[in-house]
Amino acid sequence: MTETDATKRPLEMPETFLPYLEKYRIYKLFKDMVQDLVINLPKDHLKHMKVFLGRHLHSSKNVDRVILLVSPELHIDTKRLARDMIKDHGYFVITRRCVMDRYEKHDKYVPGCISPVLLSEVTKMMTSRDPVPQAGWLMFDHPCTLQEARCLQQDGILPSVTLVLTPPPPPASKAVDTRTPARSFFQQDFEGLKLAYKATLKEVYIESDDSPEKIVTKCSKAISAATAGAQGPGRGLHVWGAPGVYRVVLIGPRGSGRKVQASAAAKHFDIVYLHFEEFFKQAELRNDEIGEKLRKFGVSVGLKSEIVKRRIAQKDCIEHGWILTGYPETGEDFEQLDRMPTPPNRIIFLNTDWDVCKTRTLSRGVDWCTGREAQRGSGPRVLALQPDLEKLIDAELDAYFTENLAELRAAAGITAVEIDGNKSVDQVQVKMQAAIISSPTVNIECCSQLRNVRADELAY
């Protein structure tokens, strides 16, 4: 190793670069290029990278690679759906029957024996032959098992979006049936394939009275949302204009249910949940400049801002997005947050009454043996969170409702969304998810409502 070896240098991304990298999806470009290198293992890596970048530069759009999974509960003409999608998108269709026709002509074919490895090899040959890579492909009825899906993934046959056509979820959860229904060789293992392709999963809810044209429209919008960058389970379904990476700030007083709602939303959208108090305590214990200042001088607006900026600039937050609670607390905090390289693109207020917040907080306790939160009265080991809790809550809620809330609303502006936090957890969560994935409804420059930004929702 020489002194000029880059591997010995600490790699730090200048914060001024982050908005540009996120806007033009440079992170995704490098991920795709590394993935292409690992799969193809070229002899001349530099030449291969130049060819990859050249293709990326001259391609007018991202090529869609779609796997279509249809729930056994639905009775849909999949062939007709595929034909209609070909008209709109120009995909090449790959079916189980097409793969088997070429599989049976392969030199290594053994009658009566189906090899997932050989099936994957045949599929890779079909997807890599020009002009399929340039036009994109739509695959249905294949793969059929989890093992076949894993073989396809190992060979680099990776979808850009996996459409899961399923009925809307019922009001009550179904009884769990541990028995696996019998299926033939050409029938798909629906739940196993959902697990295999969960990274690119897009659920599309199909009603029983949906026409074929309506189903095609729903599928096309889900693909468009995925192409726009809204990846992850539950993201961007039938939504135009929603951000590709969600950066959400959930504002509410103590007892409003912000932690519960933020945790549920983070799990649903596969984003990082950040609670300010938790990583603030970690910052106090670190042996760095910020930790020393906190221990020596105490908390200030600038130090809190530095702690938040450092956390949301980390790799997991940049790639997956985040939802933040506990910060900002004042209008000045919000202005600091808005000036950061990756500011929030969703501001949500949980409007919960004073009495409700106080009742919820006083009902909580802590198990002195395990240190975990528990409901007061649920056991002999559950004690109050701290002495004089009622006075502390009154002072905190008084500061929030009389001063901080007005400052935060003024700083957030007209694009913030307000949700009634007095309702049940499920009702609030539904409103939150809708607010996160919704397209903008206000033109900031003109301070007026936008029209036709959610035509898909109005149509359905």
Protein backbone atom coordinates (compact mmCIF):
# COMPACT_ATOMS: atom_id res chain seq x y z
CA MET A 1 0.00 0.00 0.00
CA THR A 2 1.31 3.45 -0.89
CA GLU A 3 0.77 6.75 0.84
CA THR A 4 -1.63 7.79 -1.90
CA ASP A 5 -3.87 4.78 -1.44
CA ALA A 6 -7.44 6.02 -1.08
CA THR A 7 -8.45 3.13 1.15
CA LYS A 8 -6.44 4.67 4.00
CA ARG A 9 -8.33 7.93 3.90
CA PRO A 10 -11.52 8.44 5.90
CA LEU A 11 -14.35 8.85 3.41
CA GLU A 12 -16.58 11.76 4.39
CA MET A 13 -19.34 13.13 2.20
CA PRO A 14 -19.50 16.95 2.24
CA GLU A 15 -22.95 17.92 3.44
CA THR A 16 -23.39 20.39 0.57
CA PHE A 17 -23.35 17.44 -1.86
CA LEU A 18 -26.21 15.56 -0.22
CA PRO A 19 -29.18 17.39 -1.81
CA TYR A 20 -27.65 16.94 -5.28
CA LEU A 21 -26.94 13.25 -4.70
CA GLU A 22 -30.47 12.65 -3.49
CA LYS A 23 -32.14 14.71 -6.22
CA TYR A 24 -30.41 12.89 -9.08
CA ARG A 25 -30.32 9.50 -7.30
CA ILE A 26 -26.53 9.17 -7.50
CA TYR A 27 -26.57 6.68 -4.63
CA LYS A 28 -28.86 4.40 -6.64
CA LEU A 29 -26.62 4.76 -9.70
CA PHE A 30 -23.56 3.59 -7.77
CA LYS A 31 -25.48 0.73 -6.18
CA ASP A 32 -26.64 -0.47 -9.60
CA MET A 33 -23.13 -0.18 -11.01
CA VAL A 34 -21.56 -2.17 -8.16
CA GLN A 35 -24.31 -4.77 -8.47
CA ASP A 36 -23.62 -5.03 -12.21
CA LEU A 37 -19.89 -5.51 -11.56
CA VAL A 38 -20.48 -8.22 -8.95
CA ILE A 39 -22.86 -10.15 -11.18
CA ASN A 40 -20.89 -9.96 -14.43
CA LEU A 41 -17.32 -10.05 -13.00
CA PRO A 42 -15.74 -8.40 -16.09
CA LYS A 43 -12.04 -8.71 -16.85
CA ASP A 44 -11.74 -5.00 -17.57
CA HIS A 45 -13.66 -3.30 -14.77
CA LEU A 46 -13.00 0.24 -15.96
CA LYS A 47 -14.26 -0.44 -19.47
CA HIS A 48 -17.33 -2.21 -18.09
CA MET A 49 -18.12 0.78 -15.86
CA LYS A 50 -17.80 3.16 -18.82
CA VAL A 51 -20.21 1.03 -20.85
CA PHE A 52 -22.65 0.93 -17.92
CA LEU A 53 -22.54 4.71 -17.48
CA GLY A 54 -22.91 5.20 -21.23
CA ARG A 55 -26.07 3.12 -21.27
CA HIS A 56 -27.39 4.96 -18.25
CA LEU A 57 -26.62 8.33 -19.88
CA HIS A 58 -28.29 7.57 -23.20
CA SER A 59 -31.35 5.80 -21.86
CA SER A 60 -34.36 8.09 -22.07
CA LYS A 61 -36.06 6.40 -19.11
CA ASN A 62 -35.43 3.81 -16.46
CA VAL A 63 -36.14 0.36 -17.85
CA ASP A 64 -38.94 -1.37 -15.97
CA ARG A 65 -38.50 -5.00 -14.94
CA VAL A 66 -41.82 -6.14 -13.52
CA ILE A 67 -42.82 -9.35 -11.79
CA LEU A 68 -46.57 -9.80 -11.47
CA LEU A 69 -47.95 -11.76 -8.52
CA VAL A 70 -51.71 -12.34 -8.34
CA SER A 71 -53.38 -13.44 -5.13
CA PRO A 72 -55.19 -16.81 -5.35
CA GLU A 73 -58.27 -15.02 -3.98
CA LEU A 74 -58.55 -12.95 -7.17
CA HIS A 75 -59.96 -14.23 -10.42
CA ILE A 76 -58.22 -12.09 -13.03
CA ASP A 77 -57.42 -12.77 -16.66
CA THR A 78 -53.66 -12.37 -16.26
CA LYS A 79 -52.97 -12.86 -19.97
CA ARG A 80 -55.31 -10.05 -20.92
CA LEU A 81 -53.80 -7.82 -18.24
CA ALA A 82 -50.32 -8.51 -19.64
CA ARG A 83 -51.46 -7.74 -23.20
CA ASP A 84 -52.95 -4.42 -22.12
CA MET A 85 -49.80 -3.48 -20.20
CA ILE A 86 -47.68 -4.31 -23.28
CA LYS A 87 -49.70 -1.77 -25.29
CA ASP A 88 -49.02 0.96 -22.72
CA HIS A 89 -45.40 0.20 -21.83
CA GLY A 90 -43.94 -1.94 -24.61
CA TYR A 91 -42.59 -4.68 -22.34
CA PHE A 92 -41.43 -8.12 -23.43
CA VAL A 93 -43.52 -10.76 -21.69
CA ILE A 94 -41.87 -13.79 -20.08
CA THR A 95 -44.19 -16.54 -18.85
CA ARG A 96 -43.71 -19.95 -17.32
CA ARG A 97 -44.70 -21.58 -20.60
CA CYS A 98 -42.08 -19.58 -22.56
CA VAL A 99 -39.35 -20.57 -20.10
CA MET A 100 -40.35 -24.23 -20.14
CA ASP A 101 -40.35 -24.34 -23.97
CA ARG A 102 -36.71 -23.28 -24.03
CA TYR A 103 -35.88 -25.33 -20.94
CA GLU A 104 -36.96 -28.56 -22.61
CA LYS A 105 -34.69 -27.80 -25.59
CA HIS A 106 -31.62 -27.19 -23.40
CA ASP A 107 -28.67 -29.59 -23.69
CA LYS A 108 -28.74 -30.27 -19.94
CA TYR A 109 -32.46 -31.03 -19.83
CA VAL A 110 -33.33 -34.29 -18.03
CA PRO A 111 -36.90 -35.52 -18.67
CA GLY A 112 -38.94 -35.72 -15.48
CA CYS A 113 -36.51 -33.55 -13.52
CA ILE A 114 -36.98 -29.80 -13.06
CA SER A 115 -33.85 -27.94 -11.96
CA PRO A 116 -34.37 -24.41 -10.51
CA VAL A 117 -30.75 -23.60 -11.40
CA LEU A 118 -31.25 -24.53 -15.05
CA LEU A 119 -34.59 -22.67 -15.13
CA SER A 120 -32.79 -19.58 -13.87
CA GLU A 121 -30.09 -19.99 -16.51
CA VAL A 122 -32.70 -20.15 -19.28
CA THR A 123 -34.54 -17.13 -17.85
CA LYS A 124 -31.32 -15.13 -17.71
CA MET A 125 -30.64 -15.94 -21.35
CA MET A 126 -34.11 -14.68 -22.29
CA THR A 127 -33.84 -11.45 -20.29
CA SER A 128 -30.31 -10.60 -21.47
CA ARG A 129 -30.91 -11.06 -25.20
CA ASP A 130 -31.38 -7.80 -27.12
CA PRO A 131 -33.67 -5.88 -27.25
CA VAL A 132 -35.19 -7.12 -23.97
CA PRO A 133 -32.71 -5.26 -21.67
CA GLN A 134 -33.44 -1.97 -23.45
CA ALA A 135 -37.24 -2.35 -23.55
CA GLY A 136 -37.84 -3.99 -20.17
CA TRP A 137 -39.80 -7.12 -19.33
CA LEU A 138 -42.95 -8.28 -17.59
CA MET A 139 -42.85 -11.71 -15.95
CA PHE A 140 -45.91 -13.59 -14.69
CA ASP A 141 -46.55 -17.20 -13.68
CA HIS A 142 -42.79 -17.43 -13.13
CA PRO A 143 -41.01 -18.06 -10.77
CA CYS A 144 -43.32 -20.44 -8.90
CA THR A 145 -41.32 -21.32 -5.76
CA LEU A 146 -39.11 -19.56 -3.27
CA GLN A 147 -36.12 -21.65 -4.40
CA GLU A 148 -36.61 -20.60 -8.02
CA ALA A 149 -36.84 -16.96 -6.93
CA ARG A 150 -33.57 -17.25 -5.00
CA CYS A 151 -31.85 -18.78 -8.05
CA LEU A 152 -33.08 -15.92 -10.23
CA GLN A 153 -31.80 -13.39 -7.70
CA GLN A 154 -28.39 -15.07 -7.57
CA ASP A 155 -28.18 -14.87 -11.37
CA GLY A 156 -28.94 -11.16 -11.31
CA ILE A 157 -32.52 -11.33 -12.64
CA LEU A 158 -33.87 -8.65 -10.35
CA PRO A 159 -37.17 -6.80 -10.83
CA SER A 160 -37.39 -3.06 -10.45
CA VAL A 161 -40.90 -3.50 -9.07
CA THR A 162 -42.92 -6.52 -7.93
CA LEU A 163 -46.64 -5.89 -8.34
CA VAL A 164 -48.81 -7.83 -5.89
CA LEU A 165 -52.46 -7.79 -6.92
CA THR A 166 -54.51 -8.54 -3.85
CA PRO A 167 -58.00 -7.81 -2.47
CA PRO A 168 -58.29 -4.91 0.00
CA PRO A 169 -57.50 -5.95 3.57
CA PRO A 170 -60.59 -6.98 5.57
CA PRO A 171 -61.71 -4.91 8.61
CA ALA A 172 -60.77 -7.77 10.93
CA SER A 173 -57.73 -9.99 10.59
CA LYS A 174 -58.29 -13.46 9.19
CA ALA A 175 -57.74 -16.58 11.23
CA VAL A 176 -54.28 -17.99 10.68
CA ASP A 177 -54.32 -21.26 8.75
CA THR A 178 -50.97 -23.03 9.09
CA ARG A 179 -51.80 -25.54 6.36
CA THR A 180 -50.32 -24.92 2.93
CA PRO A 181 -52.89 -25.42 0.16
CA ALA A 182 -52.05 -27.94 -2.53
CA ARG A 183 -50.82 -26.47 -5.81
CA SER A 184 -49.55 -27.74 -9.14
CA PHE A 185 -46.18 -27.18 -10.78
CA PHE A 186 -47.45 -24.11 -12.66
CA GLN A 187 -49.11 -22.49 -9.62
CA GLN A 188 -47.13 -19.92 -7.65
CA ASP A 189 -46.24 -19.98 -3.97
CA PHE A 190 -47.82 -16.57 -3.38
CA GLU A 191 -46.66 -15.90 0.21
CA GLY A 192 -43.17 -17.30 -0.41
CA LEU A 193 -42.63 -15.08 -3.46
CA LYS A 194 -43.86 -12.03 -1.54
CA LEU A 195 -41.14 -12.77 1.01
CA ALA A 196 -38.49 -13.21 -1.69
CA TYR A 197 -39.31 -9.92 -3.42
CA LYS A 198 -40.25 -7.82 -0.39
CA ALA A 199 -37.59 -5.20 -1.24
CA THR A 200 -39.45 -4.17 -4.42
CA LEU A 201 -42.96 -5.04 -3.33
CA LYS A 202 -45.89 -2.87 -4.44
CA GLU A 203 -49.32 -3.91 -3.23
CA VAL A 204 -52.19 -2.96 -5.54
CA TYR A 205 -55.64 -3.44 -4.06
CA ILE A 206 -58.13 -4.83 -6.57
CA GLU A 207 -61.85 -4.54 -5.85
CA SER A 208 -64.23 -7.28 -6.97
CA ASP A 209 -66.05 -4.91 -9.34
CA ASP A 210 -62.92 -3.40 -10.93
CA SER A 211 -62.97 -3.49 -14.71
CA PRO A 212 -59.92 -4.75 -16.68
CA GLU A 213 -59.17 -1.17 -17.78
CA LYS A 214 -59.23 0.01 -14.18
CA ILE A 215 -56.86 -2.79 -13.09
CA VAL A 216 -54.41 -1.83 -15.87
CA THR A 217 -54.56 1.80 -14.75
CA LYS A 218 -53.85 0.87 -11.13
CA CYS A 219 -50.88 -1.30 -12.17
CA SER A 220 -49.47 1.43 -14.41
CA LYS A 221 -49.68 4.00 -11.62
CA ALA A 222 -47.98 1.65 -9.17
CA ILE A 223 -45.13 1.10 -11.67
CA SER A 224 -44.83 4.86 -12.20
CA ALA A 225 -44.64 5.43 -8.44
CA ALA A 226 -41.88 2.83 -8.18
CA THR A 227 -39.98 4.33 -11.11
CA ALA A 228 -40.18 7.74 -9.43
CA GLY A 229 -38.23 6.27 -6.52
CA ALA A 230 -40.94 5.46 -4.00
CA GLN A 231 -39.53 2.06 -3.04
CA GLY A 232 -40.38 -0.06 -0.04
CA PRO A 233 -43.50 -1.82 1.24
CA GLY A 234 -46.61 0.30 1.01
CA ARG A 235 -44.97 3.34 -0.56
CA GLY A 236 -46.39 5.52 -3.26
CA LEU A 237 -49.38 3.42 -4.27
CA HIS A 238 -51.50 5.28 -6.87
CA VAL A 239 -49.84 8.57 -5.91
CA TRP A 240 -48.29 11.17 -8.16
CA GLY A 241 -45.90 13.81 -6.86
CA ALA A 242 -45.00 12.05 -3.60
CA PRO A 243 -41.30 12.26 -2.67
CA GLY A 244 -39.07 9.29 -3.38
CA VAL A 245 -37.48 9.42 0.09
CA TYR A 246 -39.74 10.36 2.96
CA ARG A 247 -38.33 12.76 5.55
CA VAL A 248 -41.11 13.29 8.06
CA VAL A 249 -41.34 15.44 11.18
CA LEU A 250 -44.15 14.49 13.55
CA ILE A 251 -44.93 17.28 16.01
CA GLY A 252 -47.10 16.87 19.06
CA PRO A 253 -47.07 17.36 22.84
CA ARG A 254 -46.17 14.73 25.35
CA GLY A 255 -48.99 12.17 25.51
CA SER A 256 -50.22 12.84 21.96
CA GLY A 257 -49.16 9.36 20.83
CA ARG A 258 -46.35 10.58 18.59
CA LYS A 259 -43.96 7.73 19.47
CA VAL A 260 -46.54 5.01 18.81
CA GLN A 261 -47.64 6.58 15.52
CA ALA A 262 -44.09 7.27 14.33
CA SER A 263 -42.96 3.71 15.10
CA ALA A 264 -45.90 2.24 13.18
CA ALA A 265 -45.35 4.53 10.20
CA ALA A 266 -41.61 3.78 10.15
CA LYS A 267 -42.33 0.05 10.08
CA HIS A 268 -44.93 0.43 7.33
CA PHE A 269 -42.80 2.60 5.04
CA ASP A 270 -39.47 0.96 5.94
CA ILE A 271 -37.91 4.25 7.06
CA VAL A 272 -35.77 5.08 10.08
CA TYR A 273 -37.56 6.13 13.28
CA LEU A 274 -35.67 8.85 15.16
CA HIS A 275 -36.64 10.08 18.61
CA PHE A 276 -34.59 13.10 19.59
CA GLU A 277 -34.18 12.20 23.26
CA GLU A 278 -32.59 8.85 22.40
CA PHE A 279 -29.83 10.03 20.07
CA PHE A 280 -29.35 13.18 22.20
CA LYS A 281 -28.37 10.94 25.14
CA GLN A 282 -25.99 9.04 22.87
CA ALA A 283 -24.42 12.32 21.77
CA GLU A 284 -23.81 13.31 25.41
CA LEU A 285 -21.79 10.13 25.99
CA ARG A 286 -19.64 10.33 22.86
CA ASN A 287 -16.02 11.45 23.11
CA ASP A 288 -16.15 14.08 20.40
CA GLU A 289 -16.45 17.84 20.13
CA ILE A 290 -20.24 17.93 20.48
CA GLY A 291 -20.23 15.56 23.46
CA GLU A 292 -17.60 17.65 25.26
CA LYS A 293 -19.57 20.86 24.66
CA LEU A 294 -22.77 19.27 25.97
CA ARG A 295 -21.07 18.06 29.13
CA LYS A 296 -19.26 21.37 29.66
CA PHE A 297 -21.76 24.05 28.60
CA GLY A 298 -25.14 22.28 28.49
CA VAL A 299 -27.81 22.31 25.78
CA SER A 300 -28.21 25.10 23.23
CA VAL A 301 -30.19 25.58 20.04
CA GLY A 302 -27.06 25.27 17.92
CA LEU A 303 -25.88 22.06 19.57
CA LYS A 304 -29.29 20.42 19.21
CA SER A 305 -29.26 21.38 15.56
CA GLU A 306 -25.78 19.88 15.07
CA ILE A 307 -26.84 16.61 16.71
CA VAL A 308 -29.89 16.29 14.44
CA LYS A 309 -27.94 17.27 11.32
CA ARG A 310 -25.28 14.67 12.04
CA ARG A 311 -27.86 11.93 12.59
CA ILE A 312 -30.01 12.53 9.49
CA ALA A 313 -26.87 12.71 7.33
CA GLN A 314 -25.98 9.11 8.15
CA LYS A 315 -26.24 6.41 5.52
CA ASP A 316 -29.45 4.75 6.73
CA CYS A 317 -31.36 8.04 6.82
CA ILE A 318 -30.10 9.16 3.40
CA GLU A 319 -31.04 5.89 1.72
CA HIS A 320 -34.31 4.98 3.45
CA GLY A 321 -35.65 8.27 4.78
CA TRP A 322 -36.69 9.02 8.35
CA ILE A 323 -39.46 10.11 10.68
CA LEU A 324 -38.46 12.36 13.59
CA THR A 325 -40.20 13.06 16.90
CA GLY A 326 -39.17 15.21 19.85
CA TYR A 327 -37.59 17.88 17.62
CA PRO A 328 -38.16 20.72 16.80
CA GLU A 329 -39.57 22.10 20.03
CA THR A 330 -39.65 25.80 19.11
CA GLY A 331 -39.85 27.95 16.01
CA GLU A 332 -36.11 28.59 16.20
CA ASP A 333 -35.45 24.84 16.21
CA PHE A 334 -37.65 24.49 13.13
CA GLU A 335 -35.74 27.18 11.26
CA GLN A 336 -32.48 25.36 12.05
CA LEU A 337 -33.97 22.09 10.78
CA ASP A 338 -35.24 23.72 7.59
CA ARG A 339 -31.75 25.01 6.75
CA MET A 340 -30.14 21.56 6.93
CA PRO A 341 -28.86 19.83 3.73
CA THR A 342 -31.70 17.28 3.85
CA PRO A 343 -34.68 19.12 5.36
CA PRO A 344 -38.03 17.42 6.01
CA ASN A 345 -40.50 17.12 3.14
CA ARG A 346 -43.48 16.19 5.31
CA ILE A 347 -44.61 18.13 8.40
CA ILE A 348 -47.42 16.56 10.44
CA PHE A 349 -49.04 17.99 13.58
CA LEU A 350 -50.85 15.69 16.02
CA ASN A 351 -53.56 17.88 17.53
CA THR A 352 -54.44 16.27 20.85
CA ASP A 353 -56.39 17.93 23.69
CA TRP A 354 -54.65 18.94 26.90
CA ASP A 355 -56.78 16.60 29.06
CA VAL A 356 -56.18 13.63 26.74
CA CYS A 357 -52.41 14.17 26.77
CA LYS A 358 -52.37 14.48 30.55
CA THR A 359 -54.52 11.39 31.08
CA ARG A 360 -52.39 9.27 28.75
CA THR A 361 -49.13 10.37 30.38
CA LEU A 362 -50.33 9.83 33.95
CA SER A 363 -51.56 6.35 33.03
CA ARG A 364 -48.02 5.28 32.13
CA GLY A 365 -45.56 3.79 34.56
CA VAL A 366 -42.27 1.98 34.61
CA ASP A 367 -41.46 -1.55 35.74
CA TRP A 368 -38.72 -1.06 38.33
CA CYS A 369 -37.37 -4.54 37.61
CA THR A 370 -37.06 -4.43 33.80
CA GLY A 371 -36.99 -0.65 33.27
CA ARG A 372 -39.67 -0.86 30.59
CA GLU A 373 -42.75 1.31 30.33
CA ALA A 374 -45.99 -0.31 31.50
CA GLN A 375 -49.55 0.71 32.26
CA ARG A 376 -50.14 2.00 35.79
CA GLY A 377 -51.94 -0.61 37.85
CA SER A 378 -50.94 -3.48 35.59
CA GLY A 379 -48.74 -5.05 38.26
CA PRO A 380 -47.14 -4.54 41.69
CA ARG A 381 -43.77 -3.61 40.17
CA VAL A 382 -45.13 -0.73 38.06
CA LEU A 383 -44.36 2.67 39.56
CA ALA A 384 -44.89 6.25 38.43
CA LEU A 385 -42.44 7.54 35.83
CA GLN A 386 -41.14 10.23 38.20
CA PRO A 387 -42.26 12.13 41.31
CA ASP A 388 -44.35 15.29 40.88
CA LEU A 389 -45.20 14.07 37.38
CA GLU A 390 -48.52 15.93 37.23
CA LYS A 391 -46.87 19.32 37.87
CA LEU A 392 -44.19 18.64 35.25
CA ILE A 393 -46.81 17.63 32.69
CA ASP A 394 -48.88 20.76 33.35
CA ALA A 395 -45.82 22.98 32.90
CA GLU A 396 -44.74 21.18 29.72
CA LEU A 397 -48.22 21.25 28.16
CA ASP A 398 -48.68 24.90 29.13
CA ALA A 399 -45.44 25.85 27.33
CA TYR A 400 -46.43 23.82 24.26
CA PHE A 401 -49.99 25.11 23.85
CA THR A 402 -49.37 28.75 24.77
CA GLU A 403 -46.04 29.41 23.03
CA ASN A 404 -44.39 26.63 21.06
CA LEU A 405 -47.36 25.44 19.00
CA ALA A 406 -48.00 28.87 17.47
CA GLU A 407 -44.30 29.29 16.62
CA LEU A 408 -44.07 25.84 15.05
CA ARG A 409 -47.21 26.36 12.95
CA ALA A 410 -45.89 29.69 11.68
CA ALA A 411 -42.51 28.14 10.83
CA ALA A 412 -44.06 25.08 9.13
CA GLY A 413 -46.21 27.18 6.81
CA ILE A 414 -49.16 26.14 4.67
CA THR A 415 -47.79 22.77 3.57
CA ALA A 416 -48.09 21.20 7.04
CA VAL A 417 -50.81 18.60 7.68
CA GLU A 418 -52.81 18.55 10.91
CA ILE A 419 -54.34 15.32 12.25
CA ASP A 420 -56.76 14.81 15.12
CA GLY A 421 -54.77 12.81 17.69
CA ASN A 422 -57.74 12.24 20.01
CA LYS A 423 -59.02 9.35 17.89
CA SER A 424 -58.00 5.71 18.13
CA VAL A 425 -54.49 4.57 17.21
CA ASP A 426 -55.65 2.87 14.00
CA GLN A 427 -57.63 5.88 12.79
CA VAL A 428 -54.73 8.25 13.40
CA GLN A 429 -52.30 5.88 11.69
CA VAL A 430 -54.45 5.73 8.55
CA LYS A 431 -54.51 9.55 8.40
CA MET A 432 -50.75 9.68 8.94
CA GLN A 433 -49.97 7.22 6.16
CA ALA A 434 -52.23 9.15 3.81
CA ALA A 435 -50.48 12.42 4.72
CA ILE A 436 -47.03 10.91 4.16
CA ILE A 437 -47.68 9.45 0.70
CA SER A 438 -49.95 12.26 -0.54
CA SER A 439 -48.84 14.57 -3.32
CA PRO A 440 -48.59 18.31 -2.54
CA THR A 441 -51.91 20.15 -2.47
CA VAL A 442 -50.61 23.73 -2.12
CA ASN A 443 -48.60 25.89 -4.49
CA ILE A 444 -46.09 27.58 -2.17
CA GLU A 445 -45.26 30.37 -4.62
CA CYS A 446 -48.88 31.44 -5.14
CA CYS A 447 -50.18 30.27 -1.73
CA SER A 448 -53.12 28.59 -3.45
CA GLN A 449 -54.58 25.10 -3.67
CA LEU A 450 -53.35 22.94 -6.53
CA ARG A 451 -55.85 21.18 -8.75
CA ASN A 452 -55.79 17.67 -10.22
CA VAL A 453 -52.89 16.53 -8.05
CA ARG A 454 -54.79 13.52 -6.76
CA ALA A 455 -57.01 12.70 -9.70
CA ASP A 456 -56.35 9.00 -9.17
CA GLU A 457 -57.85 9.09 -5.69
CA LEU A 458 -60.85 11.09 -6.87
CA ALA A 459 -61.45 8.69 -9.74
CA TYR A 460 -61.50 5.67 -7.49
